[in-house]
């Protein structure tokens, strides 16, 4: 591998780590479709921040995407509770509506910017080495690294609250934890992960990274800590194998990683059945 290959692989690994951390809690809470909705519905916020700042990096992008994610969560819960719409219907309505608005904004302003539908939907890891560099590394690497560190710090500081709110909401309330507050913290984490994955893998494939490795880890882990560690390891493995597959087939790197996620999950199910028998 040359230097560019290592940068691409490093970015893919950092993006995957950012996705599997909140993705593990989404899988445990059976909220993967909520994560799917959120990862797509933050697109208008990303586009607006890009049009204002002219960059896919920096605090304007992070702040806009996080606020949009919280707004999406509030809208879905409002439609579900106040209008008595079923959860899956509320998620489908809100996320497709906002995602469509984001695509329209991209289409309208694509001539004035280098942001287009291909970038939005699929991303392009292969272009990472050609980005503006800071201290020798592309901006996407630094942004994703900072997001990874922030997510790890939040989970470390709120581990007991996350554990309680995920497995026993009643116990969490009795212990003094606000289940609603930590729910919104999780949604903010999903929004940040979406930003880190947006330019590299696009909105379509981010959900594969959030669901694939955590779902595979859930087959073998017995504790939350084990699941987080296994999800990270499986995610890194899928990045490596996916990148090797993409270079061998001369195919999309992000697509190959997502495909590898599915294949590894299938192997995991087969292995789990073999062990249980």
C-alpha atoms as a PDB file:
ATOM      1  CA  UNK A   1       0.000   0.000   0.000  1.00  0.00           C
ATOM      2  CA  UNK A   2       1.183   3.534  -0.761  1.00  0.00           C
ATOM      3  CA  UNK A   3       0.589   6.664   1.304  1.00  0.00           C
ATOM      4  CA  UNK A   4      -2.728   7.468  -0.399  1.00  0.00           C
ATOM      5  CA  UNK A   5      -4.039   3.961   0.279  1.00  0.00           C
ATOM      6  CA  UNK A   6      -3.179   4.312   3.948  1.00  0.00           C
ATOM      7  CA  UNK A   7      -4.965   7.672   4.167  1.00  0.00           C
ATOM      8  CA  UNK A   8      -8.085   6.229   2.558  1.00  0.00           C
ATOM      9  CA  UNK A   9      -8.047   3.214   4.866  1.00  0.00           C
ATOM     10  CA  UNK A  10      -7.413   5.412   7.915  1.00  0.00           C
ATOM     11  CA  UNK A  11     -10.369   7.619   7.030  1.00  0.00           C
ATOM     12  CA  UNK A  12     -12.625   4.607   6.481  1.00  0.00           C
ATOM     13  CA  UNK A  13     -11.635   3.149   9.860  1.00  0.00           C
ATOM     14  CA  UNK A  14     -12.241   6.441  11.680  1.00  0.00           C
ATOM     15  CA  UNK A  15     -15.628   6.866   9.999  1.00  0.00           C
ATOM     16  CA  UNK A  16     -16.588   3.311  10.925  1.00  0.00           C
ATOM     17  CA  UNK A  17     -15.654   3.844  14.569  1.00  0.00           C
ATOM     18  CA  UNK A  18     -17.772   6.997  14.642  1.00  0.00           C
ATOM     19  CA  UNK A  19     -20.729   5.012  13.317  1.00  0.00           C
ATOM     20  CA  UNK A  20     -20.469   1.866  15.442  1.00  0.00           C
ATOM     21  CA  UNK A  21     -20.401   3.735  18.762  1.00  0.00           C
ATOM     22  CA  UNK A  22     -23.924   5.196  18.552  1.00  0.00           C
ATOM     23  CA  UNK A  23     -24.959   2.339  16.267  1.00  0.00           C
ATOM     24  CA  UNK A  24     -24.424  -0.171  19.075  1.00  0.00           C
ATOM     25  CA  UNK A  25     -27.012   1.583  21.232  1.00  0.00           C
ATOM     26  CA  UNK A  26     -29.423   1.879  18.305  1.00  0.00           C
ATOM     27  CA  UNK A  27     -29.212  -1.881  17.719  1.00  0.00           C
ATOM     28  CA  UNK A  28     -29.742  -2.668  21.397  1.00  0.00           C
ATOM     29  CA  UNK A  29     -32.718  -0.306  21.567  1.00  0.00           C
ATOM     30  CA  UNK A  30     -34.169  -1.703  18.331  1.00  0.00           C
ATOM     31  CA  UNK A  31     -33.986   1.775  16.819  1.00  0.00           C
ATOM     32  CA  UNK A  32     -31.930   1.083  13.708  1.00  0.00           C
ATOM     33  CA  UNK A  33     -34.627   2.535  11.439  1.00  0.00           C
ATOM     34  CA  UNK A  34     -34.586   5.650  13.600  1.00  0.00           C
ATOM     35  CA  UNK A  35     -30.871   5.891  12.962  1.00  0.00           C
ATOM     36  CA  UNK A  36     -31.468   5.373   9.254  1.00  0.00           C
ATOM     37  CA  UNK A  37     -33.997   8.188   9.259  1.00  0.00           C
ATOM     38  CA  UNK A  38     -31.735  10.507  11.193  1.00  0.00           C
ATOM     39  CA  UNK A  39     -28.693   9.849   9.018  1.00  0.00           C
ATOM     40  CA  UNK A  40     -30.691  10.853   5.936  1.00  0.00           C
ATOM     41  CA  UNK A  41     -32.837  13.612   7.407  1.00  0.00           C
ATOM     42  CA  UNK A  42     -29.865  15.714   8.575  1.00  0.00           C
ATOM     43  CA  UNK A  43     -29.024  16.343   4.908  1.00  0.00           C
ATOM     44  CA  UNK A  44     -30.794  19.761   4.753  1.00  0.00           C
ATOM     45  CA  UNK A  45     -28.750  20.946   7.727  1.00  0.00           C
ATOM     46  CA  UNK A  46     -25.546  19.732   6.100  1.00  0.00           C
ATOM     47  CA  UNK A  47     -26.378  21.475   2.826  1.00  0.00           C
ATOM     48  CA  UNK A  48     -27.334  24.758   4.512  1.00  0.00           C
ATOM     49  CA  UNK A  49     -24.148  24.734   6.595  1.00  0.00           C
ATOM     50  CA  UNK A  50     -22.090  24.020   3.472  1.00  0.00           C
ATOM     51  CA  UNK A  51     -23.733  26.855   1.535  1.00  0.00           C
ATOM     52  CA  UNK A  52     -23.054  29.269   4.387  1.00  0.00           C
ATOM     53  CA  UNK A  53     -19.517  28.186   5.248  1.00  0.00           C
ATOM     54  CA  UNK A  54     -18.331  26.790   1.903  1.00  0.00           C
ATOM     55  CA  UNK A  55     -16.838  23.761   3.595  1.00  0.00           C
ATOM     56  CA  UNK A  56     -17.832  20.241   4.618  1.00  0.00           C
ATOM     57  CA  UNK A  57     -15.644  20.534   7.694  1.00  0.00           C
ATOM     58  CA  UNK A  58     -15.551  22.677  10.796  1.00  0.00           C
ATOM     59  CA  UNK A  59     -17.878  23.680  13.602  1.00  0.00           C
ATOM     60  CA  UNK A  60     -20.658  25.178  11.426  1.00  0.00           C
ATOM     61  CA  UNK A  61     -21.169  21.774   9.820  1.00  0.00           C
ATOM     62  CA  UNK A  62     -21.111  19.911  13.140  1.00  0.00           C
ATOM     63  CA  UNK A  63     -23.455  22.359  14.835  1.00  0.00           C
ATOM     64  CA  UNK A  64     -25.923  22.472  11.942  1.00  0.00           C
ATOM     65  CA  UNK A  65     -26.101  18.692  11.571  1.00  0.00           C
ATOM     66  CA  UNK A  66     -26.502  18.160  15.320  1.00  0.00           C
ATOM     67  CA  UNK A  67     -29.296  20.722  15.609  1.00  0.00           C
ATOM     68  CA  UNK A  68     -31.005  19.250  12.556  1.00  0.00           C
ATOM     69  CA  UNK A  69     -30.768  15.783  14.083  1.00  0.00           C
ATOM     70  CA  UNK A  70     -32.378  16.967  17.303  1.00  0.00           C
ATOM     71  CA  UNK A  71     -35.096  18.738  15.292  1.00  0.00           C
ATOM     72  CA  UNK A  72     -35.778  15.542  13.342  1.00  0.00           C
ATOM     73  CA  UNK A  73     -36.081  13.587  16.597  1.00  0.00           C
ATOM     74  CA  UNK A  74     -38.497  16.144  18.005  1.00  0.00           C
ATOM     75  CA  UNK A  75     -40.598  16.165  14.821  1.00  0.00           C
ATOM     76  CA  UNK A  76     -40.859  12.373  14.709  1.00  0.00           C
ATOM     77  CA  UNK A  77     -41.850  12.144  18.362  1.00  0.00           C
ATOM     78  CA  UNK A  78     -44.366  14.994  17.964  1.00  0.00           C
ATOM     79  CA  UNK A  79     -46.028  13.387  14.958  1.00  0.00           C
ATOM     80  CA  UNK A  80     -46.054  10.030  16.732  1.00  0.00           C
ATOM     81  CA  UNK A  81     -47.431  11.222  20.072  1.00  0.00           C
ATOM     82  CA  UNK A  82     -49.516  14.312  19.336  1.00  0.00           C
ATOM     83  CA  UNK A  83     -51.021  13.148  16.045  1.00  0.00           C
ATOM     84  CA  UNK A  84     -51.152   9.487  17.089  1.00  0.00           C
ATOM     85  CA  UNK A  85     -49.342   8.271  13.997  1.00  0.00           C
ATOM     86  CA  UNK A  86     -47.604   4.904  14.223  1.00  0.00           C
ATOM     87  CA  UNK A  87     -43.862   5.042  14.896  1.00  0.00           C
ATOM     88  CA  UNK A  88     -42.763   3.534  11.577  1.00  0.00           C
ATOM     89  CA  UNK A  89     -45.117   5.798   9.631  1.00  0.00           C
ATOM     90  CA  UNK A  90     -43.888   8.912  11.461  1.00  0.00           C
ATOM     91  CA  UNK A  91     -40.272   7.983  10.793  1.00  0.00           C
ATOM     92  CA  UNK A  92     -40.961   7.290   7.124  1.00  0.00           C
ATOM     93  CA  UNK A  93     -42.847  10.541   6.590  1.00  0.00           C
ATOM     94  CA  UNK A  94     -40.394  12.861   8.321  1.00  0.00           C
ATOM     95  CA  UNK A  95     -37.163  11.375   7.040  1.00  0.00           C
ATOM     96  CA  UNK A  96     -38.223  11.100   3.398  1.00  0.00           C
ATOM     97  CA  UNK A  97     -39.632  14.642   3.505  1.00  0.00           C
ATOM     98  CA  UNK A  98     -36.458  16.200   4.912  1.00  0.00           C
ATOM     99  CA  UNK A  99     -34.125  14.055   2.827  1.00  0.00           C
ATOM    100  CA  UNK A 100     -36.020  15.104  -0.312  1.00  0.00           C
ATOM    101  CA  UNK A 101     -35.657  18.759   0.688  1.00  0.00           C
ATOM    102  CA  UNK A 102     -31.918  18.201   1.085  1.00  0.00           C
ATOM    103  CA  UNK A 103     -31.633  16.595  -2.352  1.00  0.00           C
ATOM    104  CA  UNK A 104     -33.572  19.509  -3.894  1.00  0.00           C
ATOM    105  CA  UNK A 105     -31.219  22.017  -2.235  1.00  0.00           C
ATOM    106  CA  UNK A 106     -28.229  20.120  -3.567  1.00  0.00           C
ATOM    107  CA  UNK A 107     -29.742  20.093  -7.052  1.00  0.00           C
ATOM    108  CA  UNK A 108     -30.515  23.815  -6.951  1.00  0.00           C
ATOM    109  CA  UNK A 109     -27.093  24.903  -5.775  1.00  0.00           C
ATOM    110  CA  UNK A 110     -24.862  22.224  -7.329  1.00  0.00           C
ATOM    111  CA  UNK A 111     -23.851  24.580 -10.146  1.00  0.00           C
ATOM    112  CA  UNK A 112     -22.447  27.108  -7.693  1.00  0.00           C
ATOM    113  CA  UNK A 113     -20.664  24.541  -5.486  1.00  0.00           C
ATOM    114  CA  UNK A 114     -18.778  21.267  -5.740  1.00  0.00           C
ATOM    115  CA  UNK A 115     -21.526  19.525  -3.767  1.00  0.00           C
ATOM    116  CA  UNK A 116     -23.598  17.193  -5.953  1.00  0.00           C
ATOM    117  CA  UNK A 117     -25.935  14.209  -5.726  1.00  0.00           C
ATOM    118  CA  UNK A 118     -23.114  11.708  -6.112  1.00  0.00           C
ATOM    119  CA  UNK A 119     -21.337  13.224  -3.107  1.00  0.00           C
ATOM    120  CA  UNK A 120     -24.561  13.248  -1.105  1.00  0.00           C
ATOM    121  CA  UNK A 121     -25.638   9.692  -1.868  1.00  0.00           C
ATOM    122  CA  UNK A 122     -22.384   7.772  -2.234  1.00  0.00           C
ATOM    123  CA  UNK A 123     -19.437   9.900  -1.125  1.00  0.00           C
ATOM    124  CA  UNK A 124     -15.969   9.162  -2.428  1.00  0.00           C
ATOM    125  CA  UNK A 125     -13.224   7.847  -0.188  1.00  0.00           C
ATOM    126  CA  UNK A 126     -10.817   7.820  -3.122  1.00  0.00           C
ATOM    127  CA  UNK A 127     -10.682  11.644  -3.109  1.00  0.00           C
ATOM    128  CA  UNK A 128      -9.626  11.931   0.537  1.00  0.00           C
ATOM    129  CA  UNK A 129      -5.845  12.108  -0.215  1.00  0.00           C
ATOM    130  CA  UNK A 130      -6.424  15.149  -2.454  1.00  0.00           C
ATOM    131  CA  UNK A 131      -8.108  17.277   0.207  1.00  0.00           C
ATOM    132  CA  UNK A 132      -6.446  20.264   1.855  1.00  0.00           C
ATOM    133  CA  UNK A 133      -4.072  18.989   4.508  1.00  0.00           C
ATOM    134  CA  UNK A 134      -3.389  20.204   8.010  1.00  0.00           C
ATOM    135  CA  UNK A 135      -0.229  18.955   9.717  1.00  0.00           C
ATOM    136  CA  UNK A 136       0.136  16.400   6.942  1.00  0.00           C
ATOM    137  CA  UNK A 137      -3.379  14.912   7.176  1.00  0.00           C
ATOM    138  CA  UNK A 138      -6.563  15.726   5.224  1.00  0.00           C
ATOM    139  CA  UNK A 139      -9.228  17.774   6.987  1.00  0.00           C
ATOM    140  CA  UNK A 140     -11.672  14.845   6.961  1.00  0.00           C
ATOM    141  CA  UNK A 141      -9.237  12.773   9.018  1.00  0.00           C
ATOM    142  CA  UNK A 142      -8.894  15.436  11.717  1.00  0.00           C
ATOM    143  CA  UNK A 143     -12.650  16.090  11.833  1.00  0.00           C
ATOM    144  CA  UNK A 144     -13.521  12.415  12.136  1.00  0.00           C
ATOM    145  CA  UNK A 145     -10.797  11.811  14.717  1.00  0.00           C
ATOM    146  CA  UNK A 146     -12.140  14.623  16.911  1.00  0.00           C
ATOM    147  CA  UNK A 147     -15.677  13.251  16.573  1.00  0.00           C
ATOM    148  CA  UNK A 148     -14.445   9.772  17.526  1.00  0.00           C
ATOM    149  CA  UNK A 149     -12.769  11.142  20.637  1.00  0.00           C
ATOM    150  CA  UNK A 150     -15.877  13.138  21.552  1.00  0.00           C
ATOM    151  CA  UNK A 151     -18.133  10.089  21.158  1.00  0.00           C
ATOM    152  CA  UNK A 152     -15.828   7.907  23.251  1.00  0.00           C
ATOM    153  CA  UNK A 153     -15.719  10.591  25.942  1.00  0.00           C
ATOM    154  CA  UNK A 154     -19.526  10.898  26.044  1.00  0.00           C
ATOM    155  CA  UNK A 155     -19.977   7.131  26.327  1.00  0.00           C
ATOM    156  CA  UNK A 156     -17.293   6.903  29.024  1.00  0.00           C
ATOM    157  CA  UNK A 157     -18.832   9.713  31.074  1.00  0.00           C
ATOM    158  CA  UNK A 158     -22.421   8.543  30.635  1.00  0.00           C
ATOM    159  CA  UNK A 159     -21.879   4.785  30.551  1.00  0.00           C
ATOM    160  CA  UNK A 160     -24.131   4.007  33.522  1.00  0.00           C
ATOM    161  CA  UNK A 161     -26.880   6.256  32.203  1.00  0.00           C
ATOM    162  CA  UNK A 162     -26.669   4.756  28.723  1.00  0.00           C
ATOM    163  CA  UNK A 163     -26.701   1.239  30.145  1.00  0.00           C
ATOM    164  CA  UNK A 164     -29.713   1.932  32.355  1.00  0.00           C
ATOM    165  CA  UNK A 165     -31.695   3.807  29.702  1.00  0.00           C
ATOM    166  CA  UNK A 166     -31.004   1.086  27.146  1.00  0.00           C
ATOM    167  CA  UNK A 167     -31.833  -2.010  29.188  1.00  0.00           C
ATOM    168  CA  UNK A 168     -34.217  -0.776  31.901  1.00  0.00           C
ATOM    169  CA  UNK A 169     -35.805   2.662  31.558  1.00  0.00           C
ATOM    170  CA  UNK A 170     -37.641   2.257  34.865  1.00  0.00           C
ATOM    171  CA  UNK A 171     -34.405   1.546  36.717  1.00  0.00           C
ATOM    172  CA  UNK A 172     -32.809   4.532  34.984  1.00  0.00           C
ATOM    173  CA  UNK A 173     -35.528   6.858  36.236  1.00  0.00           C
ATOM    174  CA  UNK A 174     -35.302   5.378  39.744  1.00  0.00           C
ATOM    175  CA  UNK A 175     -31.550   5.977  39.670  1.00  0.00           C
ATOM    176  CA  UNK A 176     -32.043   9.634  38.816  1.00  0.00           C
ATOM    177  CA  UNK A 177     -31.183   9.474  35.125  1.00  0.00           C
ATOM    178  CA  UNK A 178     -33.318  11.328  32.600  1.00  0.00           C
ATOM    179  CA  UNK A 179     -34.186   8.801  29.906  1.00  0.00           C
ATOM    180  CA  UNK A 180     -35.348  11.564  27.557  1.00  0.00           C
ATOM    181  CA  UNK A 181     -32.149  13.550  28.020  1.00  0.00           C
ATOM    182  CA  UNK A 182     -29.922  10.573  27.183  1.00  0.00           C
ATOM    183  CA  UNK A 183     -32.170   9.737  24.259  1.00  0.00           C
ATOM    184  CA  UNK A 184     -31.441  13.154  22.784  1.00  0.00           C
ATOM    185  CA  UNK A 185     -27.754  12.747  23.578  1.00  0.00           C
ATOM    186  CA  UNK A 186     -27.793   9.543  21.537  1.00  0.00           C
ATOM    187  CA  UNK A 187     -29.547  11.303  18.656  1.00  0.00           C
ATOM    188  CA  UNK A 188     -26.891  14.034  18.755  1.00  0.00           C
ATOM    189  CA  UNK A 189     -24.215  11.341  18.607  1.00  0.00           C
ATOM    190  CA  UNK A 190     -25.889   9.821  15.544  1.00  0.00           C
ATOM    191  CA  UNK A 191     -25.930  13.262  13.923  1.00  0.00           C
ATOM    192  CA  UNK A 192     -22.222  13.773  14.570  1.00  0.00           C
ATOM    193  CA  UNK A 193     -21.443  10.338  13.205  1.00  0.00           C
ATOM    194  CA  UNK A 194     -23.435  11.171  10.097  1.00  0.00           C
ATOM    195  CA  UNK A 195     -21.355  14.294   9.536  1.00  0.00           C
ATOM    196  CA  UNK A 196     -18.119  12.342   9.829  1.00  0.00           C
ATOM    197  CA  UNK A 197     -19.378   9.759   7.342  1.00  0.00           C
ATOM    198  CA  UNK A 198     -21.137  12.136   4.985  1.00  0.00           C
ATOM    199  CA  UNK A 199     -18.331  13.189   2.668  1.00  0.00           C
ATOM    200  CA  UNK A 200     -16.543   9.841   2.756  1.00  0.00           C
ATOM    201  CA  UNK A 201     -19.308   7.267   2.320  1.00  0.00           C
ATOM    202  CA  UNK A 202     -22.417   9.336   1.627  1.00  0.00           C
ATOM    203  CA  UNK A 203     -25.835   9.283   3.228  1.00  0.00           C
ATOM    204  CA  UNK A 204     -26.914   5.993   1.683  1.00  0.00           C
ATOM    205  CA  UNK A 205     -24.146   3.841   3.138  1.00  0.00           C
ATOM    206  CA  UNK A 206     -23.770   5.363   6.591  1.00  0.00           C
ATOM    207  CA  UNK A 207     -26.574   3.177   7.966  1.00  0.00           C
ATOM    208  CA  UNK A 208     -24.676   0.053   6.897  1.00  0.00           C
ATOM    209  CA  UNK A 209     -21.787   1.140   9.095  1.00  0.00           C
ATOM    210  CA  UNK A 210     -24.101   1.948  11.990  1.00  0.00           C
ATOM    211  CA  UNK A 211     -25.981  -1.348  11.861  1.00  0.00           C
ATOM    212  CA  UNK A 212     -23.681  -4.001  10.373  1.00  0.00           C
ATOM    213  CA  UNK A 213     -20.791  -4.236  12.878  1.00  0.00           C
ATOM    214  CA  UNK A 214     -22.995  -3.669  15.987  1.00  0.00           C
ATOM    215  CA  UNK A 215     -25.531  -6.265  14.813  1.00  0.00           C
ATOM    216  CA  UNK A 216     -22.711  -8.751  14.282  1.00  0.00           C
ATOM    217  CA  UNK A 217     -21.233  -7.933  17.692  1.00  0.00           C
ATOM    218  CA  UNK A 218     -24.630  -8.486  19.327  1.00  0.00           C
ATOM    219  CA  UNK A 219     -24.502 -12.127  18.224  1.00  0.00           C
ATOM    220  CA  UNK A 220     -21.466 -12.836  20.413  1.00  0.00           C
ATOM    221  CA  UNK A 221     -21.243 -10.157  23.124  1.00  0.00           C
ATOM    222  CA  UNK A 222     -22.562 -10.775  26.619  1.00  0.00           C
ATOM    223  CA  UNK A 223     -22.075  -7.287  28.030  1.00  0.00           C
ATOM    224  CA  UNK A 224     -22.375  -3.759  26.697  1.00  0.00           C
ATOM    225  CA  UNK A 225     -18.625  -3.229  26.948  1.00  0.00           C
ATOM    226  CA  UNK A 226     -17.981  -6.409  24.968  1.00  0.00           C
ATOM    227  CA  UNK A 227     -20.446  -5.306  22.323  1.00  0.00           C
ATOM    228  CA  UNK A 228     -18.804  -1.901  21.897  1.00  0.00           C
ATOM    229  CA  UNK A 229     -15.351  -3.470  21.584  1.00  0.00           C
ATOM    230  CA  UNK A 230     -16.480  -6.234  19.219  1.00  0.00           C
ATOM    231  CA  UNK A 231     -18.442  -3.775  17.083  1.00  0.00           C
ATOM    232  CA  UNK A 232     -15.327  -1.647  16.699  1.00  0.00           C
ATOM    233  CA  UNK A 233     -13.188  -4.678  15.803  1.00  0.00           C
ATOM    234  CA  UNK A 234     -15.720  -6.018  13.299  1.00  0.00           C
ATOM    235  CA  UNK A 235     -16.049  -2.554  11.796  1.00  0.00           C
ATOM    236  CA  UNK A 236     -12.290  -2.237  11.327  1.00  0.00           C
ATOM    237  CA  UNK A 237     -12.160  -5.713   9.823  1.00  0.00           C
ATOM    238  CA  UNK A 238     -14.900  -4.852   7.335  1.00  0.00           C
ATOM    239  CA  UNK A 239     -12.994  -1.694   6.372  1.00  0.00           C
ATOM    240  CA  UNK A 240      -9.816  -3.617   5.654  1.00  0.00           C
ATOM    241  CA  UNK A 241     -11.492  -6.446   3.769  1.00  0.00           C
ATOM    242  CA  UNK A 242     -13.814  -4.049   1.957  1.00  0.00           C
ATOM    243  CA  UNK A 243     -10.931  -1.894   0.811  1.00  0.00           C
ATOM    244  CA  UNK A 244      -9.022  -4.928  -0.446  1.00  0.00           C
ATOM    245  CA  UNK A 245     -12.152  -6.066  -2.284  1.00  0.00           C
ATOM    246  CA  UNK A 246     -12.625  -2.632  -3.860  1.00  0.00           C
ATOM    247  CA  UNK A 247      -9.025  -2.467  -5.096  1.00  0.00           C
ATOM    248  CA  UNK A 248      -9.230  -5.992  -6.495  1.00  0.00           C
ATOM    249  CA  UNK A 249     -12.508  -5.316  -8.343  1.00  0.00           C
ATOM    250  CA  UNK A 250     -11.784  -1.639  -9.098  1.00  0.00           C
ATOM    251  CA  UNK A 251     -15.151  -0.856  -7.518  1.00  0.00           C
ATOM    252  CA  UNK A 252     -16.602   1.710  -5.097  1.00  0.00           C
ATOM    253  CA  UNK A 253     -14.729   1.587  -1.796  1.00  0.00           C
ATOM    254  CA  UNK A 254     -17.759   2.547   0.286  1.00  0.00           C
ATOM    255  CA  UNK A 255     -19.908   0.023  -1.553  1.00  0.00           C
ATOM    256  CA  UNK A 256     -17.340  -2.721  -1.020  1.00  0.00           C
ATOM    257  CA  UNK A 257     -17.182  -1.969   2.708  1.00  0.00           C
ATOM    258  CA  UNK A 258     -20.975  -2.113   2.995  1.00  0.00           C
ATOM    259  CA  UNK A 259     -21.007  -5.381   1.052  1.00  0.00           C
ATOM    260  CA  UNK A 260     -18.361  -6.792   3.367  1.00  0.00           C
ATOM    261  CA  UNK A 261     -20.534  -5.809   6.344  1.00  0.00           C
ATOM    262  CA  UNK A 262     -23.344  -7.934   4.963  1.00  0.00           C
ATOM    263  CA  UNK A 263     -21.088 -10.886   4.197  1.00  0.00           C
ATOM    264  CA  UNK A 264     -19.504 -10.811   7.653  1.00  0.00           C
ATOM    265  CA  UNK A 265     -22.934 -10.692   9.260  1.00  0.00           C
ATOM    266  CA  UNK A 266     -23.999 -13.743   7.257  1.00  0.00           C
ATOM    267  CA  UNK A 267     -20.860 -15.588   8.343  1.00  0.00           C
ATOM    268  CA  UNK A 268     -21.522 -14.531  11.918  1.00  0.00           C
ATOM    269  CA  UNK A 269     -25.022 -16.011  11.850  1.00  0.00           C
ATOM    270  CA  UNK A 270     -23.696 -19.273  10.412  1.00  0.00           C
ATOM    271  CA  UNK A 271     -20.946 -19.427  13.048  1.00  0.00           C
ATOM    272  CA  UNK A 272     -23.405 -18.676  15.863  1.00  0.00           C
ATOM    273  CA  UNK A 273     -25.685 -21.506  14.706  1.00  0.00           C
ATOM    274  CA  UNK A 274     -22.721 -23.885  14.446  1.00  0.00           C
ATOM    275  CA  UNK A 275     -21.620 -23.014  17.990  1.00  0.00           C
ATOM    276  CA  UNK A 276     -25.124 -23.378  19.435  1.00  0.00           C
ATOM    277  CA  UNK A 277     -25.431 -26.862  17.908  1.00  0.00           C
END
